[in-house]
Amino acid sequence: MPDPIILVDYDPAWPGSFAREADALMKAFGDTQHLVEHIGSTAVPGLSAKPVIDILVAVADEALLDTATEEEAVPGEERAIDPRGNAAHVRLVRAVTGCKFSYRGVNGLPGRLYFFRHREGRSAHVHIAQDGSWFVHDQLLFRDWLRTHPEDAKGYEALKLDLAGKHRDDRVAYTMAKSGFIRDVLLRAGGIGPWLRQ
């Protein structure tokens, strides 16, 4: 069943939605300190977006990201997978799934754990990566660039609106079609992801 790409006007309630999700995650993590940040288009004031809150969790311990013994999820599917591996990794995954998220492992992007929840009014994604990694660096860099460069934010919005019309029922094509713009911004801003120079 298609899950159409629908962009909506910026909602000033999105930062509050993020704050509630972040609070629940931090409580689930207990005494462990992880950096929790609002990323993606809903984190850029004034920018139209899919009404999905993207949450970045940066962890210090690389062992928390060990997915070597887990099944590999197929990108684009939504079937949850079970965490396997060291006890700390499994505990981390269970903390997030305890907040009503489904776990998808790396979901096509090694070094990042991906979780999703698709519910009316409470849709969110969680991305967990190592603090200091290119993924964390570039996610925060892109968000901050759009926050401080309104001409690029408007250009990104126009591109997304155009692509949402062209690829309404194809999330993979929509995402891939945005990559040139994202690459251009990150190269100008100082992005470090290995994909930027491929």
N, C-alpha and C. Protein backbone atom coordinates (compact mmCIF):
# COMPACT_ATOMS: atom_id res chain seq x y z
N MET A 1 0.84 -1.19 0.00
CA MET A 1 0.00 0.00 0.00
C MET A 1 0.89 1.25 0.00
N PRO A 2 0.70 2.16 -0.97
CA PRO A 2 1.57 3.35 -1.04
C PRO A 2 1.41 4.25 0.18
N ASP A 3 2.52 4.83 0.57
CA ASP A 3 2.54 5.82 1.65
C ASP A 3 2.94 7.13 0.99
N PRO A 4 1.97 7.91 0.49
CA PRO A 4 2.30 9.07 -0.34
C PRO A 4 3.10 10.13 0.40
N ILE A 5 3.95 10.81 -0.36
CA ILE A 5 4.73 11.92 0.18
C ILE A 5 3.86 13.16 0.16
N ILE A 6 3.55 13.65 1.33
CA ILE A 6 2.72 14.85 1.47
C ILE A 6 3.48 15.86 2.31
N LEU A 7 3.77 17.01 1.70
CA LEU A 7 4.43 18.09 2.42
C LEU A 7 3.39 19.07 2.94
N VAL A 8 3.61 19.57 4.14
CA VAL A 8 2.70 20.54 4.74
C VAL A 8 3.48 21.79 5.12
N ASP A 9 2.78 22.89 5.32
CA ASP A 9 3.42 24.12 5.77
C ASP A 9 4.07 23.90 7.13
N TYR A 10 5.10 24.69 7.39
CA TYR A 10 5.77 24.60 8.69
C TYR A 10 4.77 24.75 9.82
N ASP A 11 4.91 23.90 10.82
CA ASP A 11 4.02 23.93 11.99
C ASP A 11 4.85 24.36 13.21
N PRO A 12 4.50 25.50 13.81
CA PRO A 12 5.28 25.94 14.98
C PRO A 12 5.19 24.99 16.17
N ALA A 13 4.33 23.98 16.09
CA ALA A 13 4.24 22.98 17.16
C ALA A 13 5.34 21.92 17.04
N TRP A 14 6.05 21.86 15.91
CA TRP A 14 7.05 20.81 15.72
C TRP A 14 8.17 20.83 16.76
N PRO A 15 8.73 21.98 17.14
CA PRO A 15 9.77 21.94 18.19
C PRO A 15 9.26 21.34 19.50
N GLY A 16 8.01 21.64 19.86
CA GLY A 16 7.43 21.06 21.07
C GLY A 16 7.25 19.56 20.94
N SER A 17 6.86 19.10 19.75
CA SER A 17 6.73 17.65 19.52
C SER A 17 8.09 16.98 19.67
N PHE A 18 9.12 17.60 19.12
CA PHE A 18 10.47 17.06 19.29
C PHE A 18 10.84 17.00 20.77
N ALA A 19 10.58 18.08 21.50
CA ALA A 19 10.97 18.14 22.91
C ALA A 19 10.31 17.01 23.70
N ARG A 20 9.05 16.72 23.40
CA ARG A 20 8.36 15.62 24.11
C ARG A 20 8.98 14.27 23.76
N GLU A 21 9.29 14.07 22.48
CA GLU A 21 9.92 12.82 22.07
C GLU A 21 11.30 12.69 22.71
N ALA A 22 12.08 13.77 22.70
CA ALA A 22 13.42 13.74 23.28
C ALA A 22 13.37 13.45 24.77
N ASP A 23 12.41 14.04 25.46
CA ASP A 23 12.26 13.80 26.89
C ASP A 23 11.96 12.33 27.17
N ALA A 24 11.07 11.75 26.39
CA ALA A 24 10.73 10.34 26.57
C ALA A 24 11.94 9.44 26.31
N LEU A 25 12.69 9.76 25.27
CA LEU A 25 13.89 8.96 24.97
C LEU A 25 14.93 9.09 26.07
N MET A 26 15.17 10.30 26.54
CA MET A 26 16.18 10.49 27.59
C MET A 26 15.78 9.74 28.87
N LYS A 27 14.49 9.73 29.18
CA LYS A 27 14.03 8.95 30.34
C LYS A 27 14.26 7.47 30.11
N ALA A 28 13.99 7.01 28.89
CA ALA A 28 14.19 5.59 28.57
C ALA A 28 15.67 5.21 28.63
N PHE A 29 16.57 6.14 28.28
CA PHE A 29 18.01 5.85 28.34
C PHE A 29 18.51 5.80 29.78
N GLY A 30 17.75 6.36 30.70
CA GLY A 30 18.15 6.34 32.11
C GLY A 30 19.32 7.26 32.38
N ASP A 31 20.31 6.77 33.11
CA ASP A 31 21.45 7.59 33.50
C ASP A 31 22.44 7.83 32.36
N THR A 32 22.31 7.07 31.28
CA THR A 32 23.24 7.20 30.16
C THR A 32 23.01 8.53 29.45
N GLN A 33 24.08 9.25 29.22
CA GLN A 33 23.98 10.56 28.57
C GLN A 33 24.26 10.43 27.08
N HIS A 34 23.27 10.74 26.27
CA HIS A 34 23.43 10.80 24.82
C HIS A 34 22.96 12.17 24.35
N LEU A 35 23.60 12.67 23.30
CA LEU A 35 23.16 13.92 22.69
C LEU A 35 21.91 13.64 21.87
N VAL A 36 20.83 14.40 22.08
CA VAL A 36 19.58 14.22 21.35
C VAL A 36 19.26 15.54 20.66
N GLU A 37 19.16 15.52 19.32
CA GLU A 37 18.98 16.73 18.53
C GLU A 37 17.82 16.58 17.55
N HIS A 38 17.15 17.69 17.28
CA HIS A 38 16.09 17.77 16.27
C HIS A 38 16.76 18.05 14.93
N ILE A 39 16.55 17.16 13.95
CA ILE A 39 17.15 17.33 12.63
C ILE A 39 16.06 17.26 11.57
N GLY A 40 16.46 17.38 10.32
CA GLY A 40 15.51 17.28 9.22
C GLY A 40 14.75 18.58 9.02
N SER A 41 13.84 18.55 8.07
CA SER A 41 13.12 19.78 7.68
C SER A 41 12.23 20.34 8.77
N THR A 42 11.69 19.49 9.64
CA THR A 42 10.83 20.02 10.71
C THR A 42 11.64 20.80 11.74
N ALA A 43 12.98 20.71 11.65
CA ALA A 43 13.86 21.45 12.58
C ALA A 43 14.27 22.81 12.02
N VAL A 44 13.76 23.16 10.83
CA VAL A 44 14.12 24.43 10.19
C VAL A 44 12.89 25.34 10.18
N PRO A 45 12.85 26.37 11.01
CA PRO A 45 11.67 27.23 11.08
C PRO A 45 11.28 27.78 9.70
N GLY A 46 9.99 27.67 9.40
CA GLY A 46 9.45 28.20 8.16
C GLY A 46 9.48 27.24 6.98
N LEU A 47 10.14 26.09 7.11
CA LEU A 47 10.31 25.18 5.98
C LEU A 47 9.17 24.16 5.91
N SER A 48 8.55 24.03 4.74
CA SER A 48 7.55 22.99 4.53
C SER A 48 8.22 21.63 4.67
N ALA A 49 7.46 20.64 5.14
CA ALA A 49 8.07 19.33 5.39
C ALA A 49 6.99 18.26 5.47
N LYS A 50 7.44 17.01 5.37
CA LYS A 50 6.57 15.91 5.76
C LYS A 50 6.40 16.05 7.27
N PRO A 51 5.20 15.84 7.80
CA PRO A 51 4.99 16.03 9.25
C PRO A 51 5.53 14.87 10.07
N VAL A 52 6.85 14.68 9.97
CA VAL A 52 7.55 13.60 10.67
C VAL A 52 8.73 14.23 11.40
N ILE A 53 8.81 14.04 12.70
CA ILE A 53 9.90 14.60 13.49
C ILE A 53 11.11 13.67 13.39
N ASP A 54 12.23 14.21 12.90
CA ASP A 54 13.47 13.42 12.83
C ASP A 54 14.33 13.75 14.04
N ILE A 55 14.77 12.69 14.72
CA ILE A 55 15.52 12.81 15.96
C ILE A 55 16.87 12.15 15.79
N LEU A 56 17.92 12.87 16.09
CA LEU A 56 19.28 12.34 16.04
C LEU A 56 19.74 12.07 17.47
N VAL A 57 20.24 10.85 17.71
CA VAL A 57 20.85 10.50 18.99
C VAL A 57 22.31 10.17 18.71
N ALA A 58 23.21 10.92 19.30
CA ALA A 58 24.64 10.68 19.14
C ALA A 58 25.16 9.98 20.39
N VAL A 59 25.79 8.81 20.19
CA VAL A 59 26.28 8.01 21.31
C VAL A 59 27.81 7.98 21.27
N ALA A 60 28.43 7.88 22.44
CA ALA A 60 29.89 7.89 22.51
C ALA A 60 30.49 6.51 22.24
N ASP A 61 29.78 5.46 22.65
CA ASP A 61 30.33 4.10 22.59
C ASP A 61 29.95 3.42 21.28
N GLU A 62 30.95 3.12 20.46
CA GLU A 62 30.72 2.49 19.16
C GLU A 62 30.07 1.11 19.30
N ALA A 63 30.29 0.44 20.44
CA ALA A 63 29.72 -0.89 20.64
C ALA A 63 28.19 -0.86 20.65
N LEU A 64 27.62 0.28 20.95
CA LEU A 64 26.16 0.40 20.94
C LEU A 64 25.58 0.25 19.54
N LEU A 65 26.42 0.40 18.53
CA LEU A 65 25.97 0.35 17.13
C LEU A 65 26.30 -0.97 16.46
N ASP A 66 26.72 -1.97 17.22
CA ASP A 66 27.16 -3.25 16.66
C ASP A 66 25.98 -4.08 16.17
N THR A 67 25.82 -4.13 14.85
CA THR A 67 24.71 -4.88 14.24
C THR A 67 25.20 -6.10 13.48
N ALA A 68 26.42 -6.55 13.75
CA ALA A 68 27.05 -7.61 12.96
C ALA A 68 26.23 -8.91 12.94
N THR A 69 25.49 -9.19 14.01
CA THR A 69 24.75 -10.46 14.06
C THR A 69 23.26 -10.29 13.76
N GLU A 70 22.84 -9.09 13.37
CA GLU A 70 21.43 -8.85 13.07
C GLU A 70 21.12 -9.14 11.60
N GLU A 71 19.87 -9.48 11.34
CA GLU A 71 19.47 -9.61 9.94
C GLU A 71 19.52 -8.22 9.30
N GLU A 72 19.72 -8.20 7.99
CA GLU A 72 19.80 -6.92 7.29
C GLU A 72 18.42 -6.56 6.76
N ALA A 73 17.91 -5.43 7.20
CA ALA A 73 16.60 -4.97 6.75
C ALA A 73 16.70 -4.47 5.31
N VAL A 74 15.63 -4.62 4.57
CA VAL A 74 15.58 -4.14 3.20
C VAL A 74 15.06 -2.70 3.22
N PRO A 75 15.88 -1.73 2.73
CA PRO A 75 15.40 -0.34 2.71
C PRO A 75 14.08 -0.23 1.95
N GLY A 76 13.19 0.57 2.49
CA GLY A 76 11.88 0.75 1.87
C GLY A 76 10.80 -0.11 2.50
N GLU A 77 11.20 -1.19 3.16
CA GLU A 77 10.23 -2.00 3.88
C GLU A 77 10.02 -1.40 5.28
N GLU A 78 8.98 -1.87 5.97
CA GLU A 78 8.74 -1.36 7.32
C GLU A 78 8.62 -2.47 8.36
N ARG A 79 9.01 -3.68 8.01
CA ARG A 79 8.94 -4.77 8.97
C ARG A 79 10.03 -4.59 10.02
N ALA A 80 9.63 -4.62 11.28
CA ALA A 80 10.59 -4.46 12.37
C ALA A 80 11.51 -5.68 12.44
N ILE A 81 12.74 -5.44 12.87
CA ILE A 81 13.66 -6.56 13.10
C ILE A 81 14.03 -6.59 14.58
N ASP A 82 14.51 -7.76 15.02
CA ASP A 82 14.90 -7.93 16.41
C ASP A 82 16.37 -7.55 16.60
N PRO A 83 16.68 -6.83 17.68
CA PRO A 83 18.08 -6.51 17.94
C PRO A 83 18.83 -7.76 18.40
N ARG A 84 20.06 -7.88 17.94
CA ARG A 84 20.93 -8.97 18.37
C ARG A 84 22.32 -8.40 18.58
N GLY A 85 23.09 -9.07 19.40
CA GLY A 85 24.46 -8.62 19.62
C GLY A 85 24.75 -8.40 21.08
N ASN A 86 25.67 -7.48 21.36
CA ASN A 86 26.07 -7.26 22.75
C ASN A 86 24.92 -6.67 23.56
N ALA A 87 25.00 -6.88 24.87
CA ALA A 87 23.90 -6.49 25.76
C ALA A 87 23.62 -4.99 25.73
N ALA A 88 24.67 -4.17 25.62
CA ALA A 88 24.48 -2.72 25.61
C ALA A 88 23.72 -2.28 24.36
N HIS A 89 24.04 -2.88 23.22
CA HIS A 89 23.32 -2.58 21.97
C HIS A 89 21.85 -2.96 22.10
N VAL A 90 21.59 -4.15 22.58
CA VAL A 90 20.20 -4.62 22.72
C VAL A 90 19.44 -3.72 23.68
N ARG A 91 20.08 -3.31 24.80
CA ARG A 91 19.43 -2.41 25.76
C ARG A 91 19.07 -1.08 25.11
N LEU A 92 19.98 -0.54 24.31
CA LEU A 92 19.73 0.74 23.64
C LEU A 92 18.53 0.62 22.69
N VAL A 93 18.52 -0.43 21.90
CA VAL A 93 17.41 -0.63 20.96
C VAL A 93 16.10 -0.80 21.72
N ARG A 94 16.12 -1.57 22.79
CA ARG A 94 14.89 -1.79 23.57
C ARG A 94 14.41 -0.49 24.22
N ALA A 95 15.34 0.38 24.61
CA ALA A 95 14.94 1.67 25.19
C ALA A 95 14.14 2.47 24.17
N VAL A 96 14.60 2.48 22.91
CA VAL A 96 13.91 3.25 21.88
C VAL A 96 12.60 2.58 21.48
N THR A 97 12.61 1.27 21.30
CA THR A 97 11.35 0.59 20.93
C THR A 97 10.33 0.67 22.06
N GLY A 98 10.81 0.82 23.30
CA GLY A 98 9.90 1.02 24.42
C GLY A 98 9.15 2.34 24.34
N CYS A 99 9.64 3.25 23.50
CA CYS A 99 8.96 4.54 23.26
C CYS A 99 8.07 4.45 22.02
N LYS A 100 7.68 3.23 21.68
CA LYS A 100 6.72 2.96 20.58
C LYS A 100 7.31 3.17 19.19
N PHE A 101 8.61 2.91 19.03
CA PHE A 101 9.24 2.94 17.72
C PHE A 101 9.49 1.52 17.24
N SER A 102 9.53 1.33 15.94
CA SER A 102 9.92 0.05 15.33
C SER A 102 11.37 0.16 14.89
N TYR A 103 12.11 -0.94 15.06
CA TYR A 103 13.55 -0.95 14.77
C TYR A 103 13.82 -1.57 13.41
N ARG A 104 14.71 -0.92 12.64
CA ARG A 104 15.05 -1.41 11.29
C ARG A 104 16.55 -1.64 11.10
N GLY A 105 17.32 -1.69 12.18
CA GLY A 105 18.76 -1.88 12.03
C GLY A 105 19.38 -0.69 11.33
N VAL A 106 20.38 -0.95 10.46
CA VAL A 106 21.04 0.15 9.76
C VAL A 106 20.21 0.62 8.58
N ASN A 107 19.29 -0.21 8.12
CA ASN A 107 18.36 0.16 7.03
C ASN A 107 19.09 0.76 5.83
N GLY A 108 20.17 0.11 5.43
CA GLY A 108 20.89 0.54 4.24
C GLY A 108 22.01 1.55 4.47
N LEU A 109 22.19 2.00 5.72
CA LEU A 109 23.24 2.99 6.00
C LEU A 109 24.09 2.52 7.19
N PRO A 110 25.15 1.75 6.92
CA PRO A 110 26.00 1.26 8.02
C PRO A 110 26.50 2.39 8.91
N GLY A 111 26.53 2.10 10.22
CA GLY A 111 26.97 3.11 11.18
C GLY A 111 25.84 3.92 11.79
N ARG A 112 24.61 3.67 11.29
CA ARG A 112 23.46 4.40 11.82
C ARG A 112 22.33 3.40 12.12
N LEU A 113 21.75 3.50 13.31
CA LEU A 113 20.56 2.70 13.64
C LEU A 113 19.33 3.53 13.33
N TYR A 114 18.31 2.88 12.76
CA TYR A 114 17.11 3.61 12.32
C TYR A 114 15.86 3.02 12.95
N PHE A 115 15.01 3.91 13.43
CA PHE A 115 13.73 3.54 14.04
C PHE A 115 12.64 4.44 13.43
N PHE A 116 11.42 3.93 13.38
CA PHE A 116 10.33 4.76 12.85
C PHE A 116 9.05 4.53 13.65
N ARG A 117 8.20 5.53 13.59
CA ARG A 117 6.83 5.43 14.10
C ARG A 117 5.97 6.25 13.15
N HIS A 118 4.98 5.60 12.53
CA HIS A 118 4.06 6.31 11.63
C HIS A 118 2.68 6.27 12.25
N ARG A 119 2.32 7.37 12.88
CA ARG A 119 1.00 7.51 13.49
C ARG A 119 0.52 8.93 13.31
N GLU A 120 -0.74 9.08 13.06
CA GLU A 120 -1.32 10.42 12.89
C GLU A 120 -0.97 11.28 14.11
N GLY A 121 -0.28 12.38 13.84
CA GLY A 121 0.05 13.32 14.92
C GLY A 121 1.26 12.95 15.75
N ARG A 122 1.82 11.73 15.58
CA ARG A 122 2.98 11.33 16.39
C ARG A 122 4.02 10.60 15.54
N SER A 123 4.09 10.94 14.26
CA SER A 123 5.07 10.29 13.39
C SER A 123 6.46 10.84 13.68
N ALA A 124 7.43 9.93 13.77
CA ALA A 124 8.79 10.34 14.07
C ALA A 124 9.76 9.25 13.63
N HIS A 125 10.99 9.67 13.37
CA HIS A 125 12.10 8.76 13.07
C HIS A 125 13.22 9.05 14.06
N VAL A 126 13.91 8.00 14.47
CA VAL A 126 15.09 8.14 15.32
C VAL A 126 16.28 7.58 14.57
N HIS A 127 17.36 8.35 14.54
CA HIS A 127 18.61 7.95 13.90
C HIS A 127 19.69 7.97 14.99
N ILE A 128 20.35 6.85 15.21
CA ILE A 128 21.40 6.78 16.23
C ILE A 128 22.73 6.52 15.55
N ALA A 129 23.72 7.35 15.84
CA ALA A 129 25.06 7.20 15.26
C ALA A 129 26.09 7.63 16.30
N GLN A 130 27.35 7.33 16.00
CA GLN A 130 28.41 7.67 16.94
C GLN A 130 28.71 9.16 16.91
N ASP A 131 28.85 9.73 18.10
CA ASP A 131 29.22 11.14 18.21
C ASP A 131 30.56 11.35 17.50
N GLY A 132 30.65 12.38 16.70
CA GLY A 132 31.87 12.65 15.95
C GLY A 132 31.90 11.99 14.58
N SER A 133 30.91 11.16 14.26
CA SER A 133 30.87 10.50 12.96
C SER A 133 30.44 11.49 11.88
N TRP A 134 30.73 11.13 10.63
CA TRP A 134 30.31 12.00 9.53
C TRP A 134 28.80 12.15 9.50
N PHE A 135 28.05 11.11 9.88
CA PHE A 135 26.60 11.19 9.84
C PHE A 135 26.11 12.26 10.80
N VAL A 136 26.58 12.23 12.04
CA VAL A 136 26.17 13.24 13.03
C VAL A 136 26.61 14.63 12.57
N HIS A 137 27.86 14.74 12.16
CA HIS A 137 28.40 16.04 11.72
C HIS A 137 27.56 16.64 10.60
N ASP A 138 27.29 15.84 9.56
CA ASP A 138 26.62 16.38 8.37
C ASP A 138 25.14 16.62 8.60
N GLN A 139 24.49 15.83 9.43
CA GLN A 139 23.08 16.08 9.74
C GLN A 139 22.92 17.43 10.44
N LEU A 140 23.77 17.69 11.42
CA LEU A 140 23.69 18.95 12.15
C LEU A 140 24.13 20.12 11.28
N LEU A 141 25.14 19.90 10.45
CA LEU A 141 25.63 20.94 9.57
C LEU A 141 24.55 21.38 8.57
N PHE A 142 23.88 20.40 7.95
CA PHE A 142 22.85 20.72 6.97
C PHE A 142 21.69 21.47 7.63
N ARG A 143 21.25 21.00 8.79
CA ARG A 143 20.18 21.69 9.52
C ARG A 143 20.58 23.13 9.83
N ASP A 144 21.78 23.31 10.38
CA ASP A 144 22.20 24.65 10.79
C ASP A 144 22.41 25.56 9.58
N TRP A 145 22.88 24.99 8.48
CA TRP A 145 23.05 25.79 7.26
C TRP A 145 21.70 26.32 6.79
N LEU A 146 20.70 25.47 6.72
CA LEU A 146 19.37 25.91 6.27
C LEU A 146 18.77 26.92 7.24
N ARG A 147 19.04 26.77 8.52
CA ARG A 147 18.53 27.73 9.51
C ARG A 147 19.13 29.12 9.31
N THR A 148 20.36 29.18 8.80
CA THR A 148 21.06 30.47 8.70
C THR A 148 21.21 30.97 7.26
N HIS A 149 20.73 30.21 6.29
CA HIS A 149 20.81 30.61 4.88
C HIS A 149 19.43 30.48 4.25
N PRO A 150 18.58 31.51 4.45
CA PRO A 150 17.19 31.41 4.00
C PRO A 150 17.02 31.18 2.51
N GLU A 151 17.99 31.66 1.70
CA GLU A 151 17.87 31.45 0.25
C GLU A 151 18.02 29.96 -0.09
N ASP A 152 18.89 29.27 0.61
CA ASP A 152 19.04 27.82 0.38
C ASP A 152 17.84 27.06 0.96
N ALA A 153 17.32 27.52 2.09
CA ALA A 153 16.13 26.88 2.66
C ALA A 153 14.96 26.98 1.68
N LYS A 154 14.78 28.16 1.06
CA LYS A 154 13.69 28.33 0.09
C LYS A 154 13.92 27.48 -1.15
N GLY A 155 15.18 27.39 -1.60
CA GLY A 155 15.49 26.55 -2.74
C GLY A 155 15.22 25.09 -2.45
N TYR A 156 15.56 24.65 -1.24
CA TYR A 156 15.30 23.27 -0.84
C TYR A 156 13.80 23.00 -0.78
N GLU A 157 13.06 23.95 -0.23
CA GLU A 157 11.61 23.80 -0.14
C GLU A 157 10.99 23.69 -1.54
N ALA A 158 11.41 24.56 -2.46
CA ALA A 158 10.87 24.53 -3.83
C ALA A 158 11.18 23.19 -4.49
N LEU A 159 12.40 22.70 -4.30
CA LEU A 159 12.78 21.40 -4.87
C LEU A 159 11.91 20.29 -4.30
N LYS A 160 11.75 20.28 -2.98
CA LYS A 160 10.95 19.22 -2.35
C LYS A 160 9.51 19.25 -2.83
N LEU A 161 8.94 20.43 -2.96
CA LEU A 161 7.55 20.53 -3.43
C LEU A 161 7.42 19.99 -4.85
N ASP A 162 8.39 20.31 -5.70
CA ASP A 162 8.39 19.81 -7.07
C ASP A 162 8.52 18.29 -7.08
N LEU A 163 9.47 17.77 -6.31
CA LEU A 163 9.71 16.32 -6.29
C LEU A 163 8.56 15.55 -5.65
N ALA A 164 7.90 16.15 -4.67
CA ALA A 164 6.75 15.47 -4.05
C ALA A 164 5.63 15.29 -5.07
N GLY A 165 5.51 16.23 -6.00
CA GLY A 165 4.52 16.09 -7.07
C GLY A 165 4.92 15.01 -8.06
N LYS A 166 6.20 14.94 -8.38
CA LYS A 166 6.69 13.97 -9.37
C LYS A 166 6.78 12.55 -8.81
N HIS A 167 7.13 12.43 -7.53
CA HIS A 167 7.41 11.11 -6.92
C HIS A 167 6.51 10.85 -5.71
N ARG A 168 5.27 11.24 -5.80
CA ARG A 168 4.34 11.16 -4.67
C ARG A 168 4.31 9.78 -4.00
N ASP A 169 4.38 8.72 -4.79
CA ASP A 169 4.26 7.36 -4.25
C ASP A 169 5.57 6.60 -4.29
N ASP A 170 6.69 7.29 -4.44
CA ASP A 170 7.98 6.61 -4.53
C ASP A 170 8.99 7.33 -3.64
N ARG A 171 9.06 6.90 -2.38
CA ARG A 171 9.94 7.57 -1.41
C ARG A 171 11.41 7.45 -1.78
N VAL A 172 11.80 6.33 -2.35
CA VAL A 172 13.20 6.16 -2.72
C VAL A 172 13.58 7.16 -3.81
N ALA A 173 12.74 7.27 -4.85
CA ALA A 173 13.03 8.23 -5.93
C ALA A 173 13.03 9.66 -5.40
N TYR A 174 12.10 9.98 -4.52
CA TYR A 174 12.03 11.32 -3.92
C TYR A 174 13.32 11.63 -3.17
N THR A 175 13.77 10.69 -2.35
CA THR A 175 14.97 10.89 -1.56
C THR A 175 16.21 11.01 -2.45
N MET A 176 16.32 10.14 -3.44
CA MET A 176 17.48 10.18 -4.33
C MET A 176 17.53 11.49 -5.12
N ALA A 177 16.35 11.98 -5.52
CA ALA A 177 16.32 13.20 -6.34
C ALA A 177 16.74 14.44 -5.54
N LYS A 178 16.69 14.38 -4.21
CA LYS A 178 17.14 15.50 -3.37
C LYS A 178 18.64 15.50 -3.14
N SER A 179 19.30 14.38 -3.45
CA SER A 179 20.69 14.20 -3.03
C SER A 179 21.65 15.21 -3.67
N GLY A 180 21.40 15.63 -4.91
CA GLY A 180 22.29 16.60 -5.55
C GLY A 180 22.28 17.94 -4.82
N PHE A 181 21.10 18.39 -4.42
CA PHE A 181 20.99 19.65 -3.69
C PHE A 181 21.70 19.54 -2.34
N ILE A 182 21.44 18.43 -1.63
CA ILE A 182 22.03 18.22 -0.31
C ILE A 182 23.55 18.16 -0.43
N ARG A 183 24.05 17.44 -1.44
CA ARG A 183 25.49 17.35 -1.66
C ARG A 183 26.09 18.75 -1.87
N ASP A 184 25.44 19.55 -2.73
CA ASP A 184 25.95 20.89 -3.01
C ASP A 184 26.04 21.73 -1.75
N VAL A 185 24.99 21.72 -0.93
CA VAL A 185 25.01 22.49 0.32
C VAL A 185 26.11 21.99 1.24
N LEU A 186 26.21 20.68 1.41
CA LEU A 186 27.21 20.14 2.33
C LEU A 186 28.63 20.41 1.86
N LEU A 187 28.87 20.37 0.57
CA LEU A 187 30.21 20.68 0.07
C LEU A 187 30.57 22.14 0.34
N ARG A 188 29.60 23.02 0.18
CA ARG A 188 29.86 24.44 0.47
C ARG A 188 30.02 24.68 1.96
N ALA A 189 29.29 23.92 2.78
CA ALA A 189 29.27 24.16 4.22
C ALA A 189 30.39 23.47 4.97
N GLY A 190 31.07 22.51 4.34
CA GLY A 190 32.14 21.79 5.03
C GLY A 190 31.76 20.38 5.45
N GLY A 191 30.86 19.74 4.71
CA GLY A 191 30.46 18.37 5.00
C GLY A 191 31.62 17.41 4.85
N ILE A 192 31.57 16.31 5.60
CA ILE A 192 32.68 15.35 5.60
C ILE A 192 32.26 13.95 5.19
N GLY A 193 30.99 13.74 4.84
CA GLY A 193 30.53 12.40 4.47
C GLY A 193 31.27 11.83 3.27
N PRO A 194 31.61 10.54 3.30
CA PRO A 194 32.35 9.94 2.19
C PRO A 194 31.57 9.97 0.88
N TRP A 195 30.24 9.95 0.95
CA TRP A 195 29.40 9.96 -0.26
C TRP A 195 29.51 11.27 -1.02
N LEU A 196 29.95 12.35 -0.36
CA LEU A 196 30.01 13.66 -1.00
C LEU A 196 31.03 13.70 -2.12
N ARG A 197 32.05 12.86 -2.06
CA ARG A 197 33.12 12.90 -3.05
C ARG A 197 33.13 11.68 -3.96
N GLN A 198 32.05 10.94 -3.98
CA GLN A 198 31.95 9.75 -4.85
C GLN A 198 31.47 10.16 -6.23
